Amino acid sequence: MSLVKYIARLQRMDSLIAMRATGTPDEFAFKLNLSRSTLFEMIQEMKGLGVDIRYSALSNSYYYADGRRIVIKVERIHNEDHLTSGGFHGRDNY
């Protein structure tokens, strides 16, 4: 899976969890076009990052227990000082 697709999927997961609109695990997996086992793997990865995600059987949705969310920021830095030619950057790279 490409990095862009993975990030988009994490952002979609975050949005649904924040809105408490995931549905059951099967429904959540369907919304993300994932298998149930892949969904659980991704939730475990998020938990591994310290995000407290829980499931409520009462509301049939995952939610953030402590209010913290996943924020992914991708920047493209374009600065002429960082442009390189021939694989060298700066004067001290010999």
N, C-alpha and C. Protein backbone atom coordinates (compact mmCIF):
# COMPACT_ATOMS: atom_id res chain seq x y z
N MET A 1 0.85 -1.17 0.00
CA MET A 1 0.00 0.00 0.00
C MET A 1 0.90 1.24 0.00
N SER A 2 0.53 2.22 -0.78
CA SER A 2 1.33 3.43 -0.84
C SER A 2 1.16 4.24 0.45
N LEU A 3 2.16 5.05 0.73
CA LEU A 3 2.12 5.89 1.92
C LEU A 3 0.94 6.85 1.88
N VAL A 4 0.67 7.40 0.72
CA VAL A 4 -0.44 8.34 0.58
C VAL A 4 -1.77 7.66 0.90
N LYS A 5 -1.95 6.46 0.41
CA LYS A 5 -3.19 5.71 0.67
C LYS A 5 -3.32 5.35 2.16
N TYR A 6 -2.19 4.97 2.77
CA TYR A 6 -2.19 4.62 4.19
C TYR A 6 -2.55 5.84 5.05
N ILE A 7 -1.95 6.98 4.73
CA ILE A 7 -2.25 8.21 5.48
C ILE A 7 -3.72 8.60 5.30
N ALA A 8 -4.23 8.50 4.09
CA ALA A 8 -5.65 8.83 3.84
C ALA A 8 -6.55 7.91 4.65
N ARG A 9 -6.20 6.65 4.73
CA ARG A 9 -7.00 5.69 5.50
C ARG A 9 -6.96 6.02 6.99
N LEU A 10 -5.78 6.37 7.51
CA LEU A 10 -5.68 6.77 8.92
C LEU A 10 -6.50 8.03 9.20
N GLN A 11 -6.47 8.97 8.27
CA GLN A 11 -7.26 10.20 8.45
C GLN A 11 -8.75 9.90 8.45
N ARG A 12 -9.18 8.98 7.58
CA ARG A 12 -10.60 8.59 7.55
C ARG A 12 -10.98 7.88 8.85
N MET A 13 -10.10 6.99 9.33
CA MET A 13 -10.35 6.32 10.60
C MET A 13 -10.49 7.34 11.73
N ASP A 14 -9.56 8.29 11.78
CA ASP A 14 -9.59 9.31 12.81
C ASP A 14 -10.89 10.09 12.79
N SER A 15 -11.31 10.48 11.60
CA SER A 15 -12.54 11.25 11.46
C SER A 15 -13.76 10.47 11.96
N LEU A 16 -13.88 9.22 11.56
CA LEU A 16 -15.02 8.40 11.99
C LEU A 16 -15.00 8.15 13.49
N ILE A 17 -13.83 7.92 14.05
CA ILE A 17 -13.72 7.69 15.49
C ILE A 17 -14.09 8.97 16.24
N ALA A 18 -13.57 10.11 15.80
CA ALA A 18 -13.86 11.38 16.46
C ALA A 18 -15.35 11.70 16.45
N MET A 19 -16.05 11.32 15.37
CA MET A 19 -17.50 11.57 15.27
C MET A 19 -18.32 10.47 15.94
N ARG A 20 -17.62 9.44 16.43
CA ARG A 20 -18.30 8.26 16.98
C ARG A 20 -19.27 7.68 15.96
N ALA A 21 -18.78 7.57 14.74
CA ALA A 21 -19.60 7.10 13.62
C ALA A 21 -19.00 5.87 12.95
N THR A 22 -18.28 5.06 13.73
CA THR A 22 -17.63 3.89 13.13
C THR A 22 -18.58 2.75 12.90
N GLY A 23 -19.57 2.61 13.76
CA GLY A 23 -20.43 1.43 13.72
C GLY A 23 -19.71 0.26 14.36
N THR A 24 -20.22 -0.91 14.15
CA THR A 24 -19.60 -2.13 14.69
C THR A 24 -18.26 -2.35 13.98
N PRO A 25 -17.41 -3.24 14.51
CA PRO A 25 -16.15 -3.52 13.80
C PRO A 25 -16.36 -3.93 12.34
N ASP A 26 -17.37 -4.74 12.07
CA ASP A 26 -17.65 -5.13 10.69
C ASP A 26 -18.04 -3.93 9.83
N GLU A 27 -18.88 -3.06 10.37
CA GLU A 27 -19.30 -1.86 9.63
C GLU A 27 -18.13 -0.90 9.41
N PHE A 28 -17.30 -0.77 10.45
CA PHE A 28 -16.13 0.11 10.36
C PHE A 28 -15.17 -0.40 9.28
N ALA A 29 -14.92 -1.68 9.28
CA ALA A 29 -14.04 -2.29 8.26
C ALA A 29 -14.62 -2.06 6.87
N PHE A 30 -15.93 -2.22 6.73
CA PHE A 30 -16.59 -2.01 5.44
C PHE A 30 -16.43 -0.56 4.98
N LYS A 31 -16.62 0.39 5.90
CA LYS A 31 -16.49 1.81 5.55
C LYS A 31 -15.08 2.16 5.07
N LEU A 32 -14.10 1.41 5.55
CA LEU A 32 -12.71 1.66 5.17
C LEU A 32 -12.22 0.74 4.06
N ASN A 33 -13.11 -0.14 3.60
CA ASN A 33 -12.76 -1.12 2.58
C ASN A 33 -11.59 -2.00 3.04
N LEU A 34 -11.70 -2.48 4.27
CA LEU A 34 -10.68 -3.33 4.90
C LEU A 34 -11.31 -4.62 5.37
N SER A 35 -10.46 -5.61 5.58
CA SER A 35 -10.94 -6.80 6.28
C SER A 35 -11.00 -6.47 7.77
N ARG A 36 -11.76 -7.23 8.49
CA ARG A 36 -11.88 -7.02 9.93
C ARG A 36 -10.52 -7.16 10.62
N SER A 37 -9.73 -8.15 10.20
CA SER A 37 -8.42 -8.36 10.83
C SER A 37 -7.47 -7.20 10.55
N THR A 38 -7.52 -6.63 9.34
CA THR A 38 -6.68 -5.48 9.02
C THR A 38 -7.11 -4.27 9.83
N LEU A 39 -8.41 -4.10 10.02
CA LEU A 39 -8.91 -3.02 10.87
C LEU A 39 -8.33 -3.15 12.27
N PHE A 40 -8.39 -4.34 12.85
CA PHE A 40 -7.87 -4.55 14.20
C PHE A 40 -6.36 -4.29 14.26
N GLU A 41 -5.63 -4.65 13.21
CA GLU A 41 -4.20 -4.36 13.16
C GLU A 41 -3.94 -2.86 13.17
N MET A 42 -4.72 -2.12 12.39
CA MET A 42 -4.53 -0.67 12.34
C MET A 42 -4.90 -0.01 13.67
N ILE A 43 -5.94 -0.51 14.31
CA ILE A 43 -6.31 0.02 15.63
C ILE A 43 -5.19 -0.25 16.63
N GLN A 44 -4.60 -1.44 16.57
CA GLN A 44 -3.48 -1.77 17.45
C GLN A 44 -2.29 -0.85 17.18
N GLU A 45 -2.02 -0.54 15.92
CA GLU A 45 -0.94 0.38 15.58
C GLU A 45 -1.21 1.76 16.18
N MET A 46 -2.45 2.22 16.09
CA MET A 46 -2.80 3.52 16.67
C MET A 46 -2.64 3.49 18.18
N LYS A 47 -3.05 2.40 18.80
CA LYS A 47 -2.88 2.27 20.24
C LYS A 47 -1.40 2.24 20.61
N GLY A 48 -0.59 1.64 19.75
CA GLY A 48 0.85 1.61 19.97
C GLY A 48 1.47 3.00 19.95
N LEU A 49 0.82 3.93 19.30
CA LEU A 49 1.27 5.32 19.27
C LEU A 49 0.78 6.09 20.50
N GLY A 50 0.07 5.42 21.38
CA GLY A 50 -0.40 6.05 22.61
C GLY A 50 -1.80 6.61 22.55
N VAL A 51 -2.55 6.28 21.51
CA VAL A 51 -3.92 6.77 21.37
C VAL A 51 -4.86 5.80 22.07
N ASP A 52 -5.68 6.33 22.97
CA ASP A 52 -6.60 5.49 23.76
C ASP A 52 -7.93 5.34 23.02
N ILE A 53 -8.00 4.30 22.20
CA ILE A 53 -9.22 4.02 21.42
C ILE A 53 -9.96 2.89 22.10
N ARG A 54 -11.24 3.09 22.29
CA ARG A 54 -12.08 2.06 22.92
C ARG A 54 -13.35 1.87 22.10
N TYR A 55 -14.01 0.75 22.38
CA TYR A 55 -15.27 0.45 21.69
C TYR A 55 -16.41 0.49 22.70
N SER A 56 -17.50 1.15 22.32
CA SER A 56 -18.69 1.20 23.15
C SER A 56 -19.77 0.31 22.54
N ALA A 57 -20.13 -0.74 23.26
CA ALA A 57 -21.21 -1.61 22.80
C ALA A 57 -22.55 -0.88 22.88
N LEU A 58 -22.64 0.10 23.77
CA LEU A 58 -23.87 0.87 23.91
C LEU A 58 -24.15 1.73 22.67
N SER A 59 -23.11 2.40 22.17
CA SER A 59 -23.30 3.26 20.98
C SER A 59 -22.83 2.58 19.70
N ASN A 60 -22.33 1.34 19.80
CA ASN A 60 -21.82 0.61 18.64
C ASN A 60 -20.82 1.45 17.84
N SER A 61 -19.83 1.99 18.54
CA SER A 61 -18.83 2.80 17.88
C SER A 61 -17.54 2.83 18.68
N TYR A 62 -16.44 2.98 17.94
CA TYR A 62 -15.17 3.27 18.60
C TYR A 62 -15.15 4.75 18.95
N TYR A 63 -14.37 5.10 19.97
CA TYR A 63 -14.25 6.50 20.38
C TYR A 63 -12.88 6.73 21.01
N TYR A 64 -12.48 7.98 21.07
CA TYR A 64 -11.24 8.36 21.74
C TYR A 64 -11.57 8.59 23.21
N ALA A 65 -11.00 7.75 24.08
CA ALA A 65 -11.32 7.81 25.51
C ALA A 65 -10.73 9.04 26.18
N ASP A 66 -9.60 9.51 25.70
CA ASP A 66 -8.95 10.65 26.35
C ASP A 66 -8.99 11.92 25.51
N GLY A 67 -9.70 11.89 24.40
CA GLY A 67 -9.83 13.07 23.55
C GLY A 67 -8.66 13.32 22.62
N ARG A 68 -7.57 12.58 22.77
CA ARG A 68 -6.43 12.77 21.86
C ARG A 68 -6.74 12.12 20.52
N ARG A 69 -6.23 12.72 19.46
CA ARG A 69 -6.50 12.22 18.11
C ARG A 69 -5.19 12.05 17.35
N ILE A 70 -5.29 11.40 16.21
CA ILE A 70 -4.15 11.23 15.33
C ILE A 70 -4.06 12.46 14.43
N VAL A 71 -2.90 13.08 14.36
CA VAL A 71 -2.67 14.20 13.46
C VAL A 71 -1.46 13.84 12.61
N ILE A 72 -1.66 13.84 11.32
CA ILE A 72 -0.59 13.52 10.37
C ILE A 72 -0.34 14.75 9.53
N LYS A 73 0.91 15.16 9.50
CA LYS A 73 1.26 16.35 8.74
C LYS A 73 2.36 15.98 7.76
N VAL A 74 2.11 16.27 6.50
CA VAL A 74 3.08 16.03 5.44
C VAL A 74 3.40 17.37 4.81
N GLU A 75 4.68 17.71 4.81
CA GLU A 75 5.10 18.98 4.24
C GLU A 75 6.05 18.74 3.08
N ARG A 76 5.94 19.57 2.11
CA ARG A 76 6.89 19.57 1.01
C ARG A 76 7.70 20.83 1.15
N ILE A 77 8.97 20.66 1.43
CA ILE A 77 9.85 21.81 1.62
C ILE A 77 10.54 22.11 0.30
N HIS A 78 10.35 23.31 -0.16
CA HIS A 78 11.00 23.73 -1.41
C HIS A 78 11.76 25.01 -1.11
N ASN A 79 13.06 24.85 -1.02
CA ASN A 79 13.92 25.97 -0.71
C ASN A 79 15.19 25.80 -1.54
N GLU A 80 15.58 26.81 -2.26
CA GLU A 80 16.74 26.68 -3.13
C GLU A 80 18.00 26.34 -2.36
N ASP A 81 18.08 26.68 -1.09
CA ASP A 81 19.25 26.34 -0.28
C ASP A 81 19.38 24.84 -0.09
N HIS A 82 18.29 24.10 -0.25
CA HIS A 82 18.31 22.66 -0.03
C HIS A 82 18.46 21.87 -1.33
N LEU A 83 18.52 22.54 -2.45
CA LEU A 83 18.66 21.84 -3.72
C LEU A 83 20.08 21.29 -3.84
N THR A 84 20.19 20.09 -4.37
CA THR A 84 21.50 19.46 -4.51
C THR A 84 21.71 19.09 -5.96
N SER A 85 22.96 18.89 -6.30
CA SER A 85 23.31 18.47 -7.65
C SER A 85 24.41 17.44 -7.54
N GLY A 86 24.24 16.34 -8.22
CA GLY A 86 25.28 15.32 -8.20
C GLY A 86 25.41 14.57 -6.89
N GLY A 87 24.45 14.68 -6.02
CA GLY A 87 24.48 13.93 -4.77
C GLY A 87 25.21 14.61 -3.63
N PHE A 88 25.69 15.83 -3.84
CA PHE A 88 26.40 16.54 -2.79
C PHE A 88 25.57 17.71 -2.31
N HIS A 89 25.68 17.98 -1.03
CA HIS A 89 24.97 19.12 -0.44
C HIS A 89 25.94 19.81 0.50
N GLY A 90 26.21 21.03 0.24
CA GLY A 90 27.11 21.78 1.11
C GLY A 90 28.56 21.61 0.71
N ARG A 91 29.44 22.27 1.42
CA ARG A 91 30.86 22.26 1.08
C ARG A 91 31.64 21.18 1.79
N ASP A 92 31.13 20.69 2.89
CA ASP A 92 31.90 19.76 3.72
C ASP A 92 31.63 18.29 3.43
N ASN A 93 30.88 17.99 2.42
CA ASN A 93 30.55 16.60 2.10
C ASN A 93 31.52 16.06 1.07
N TYR A 94 32.65 15.51 1.49
CA TYR A 94 33.64 14.92 0.59
C TYR A 94 33.80 13.47 0.84
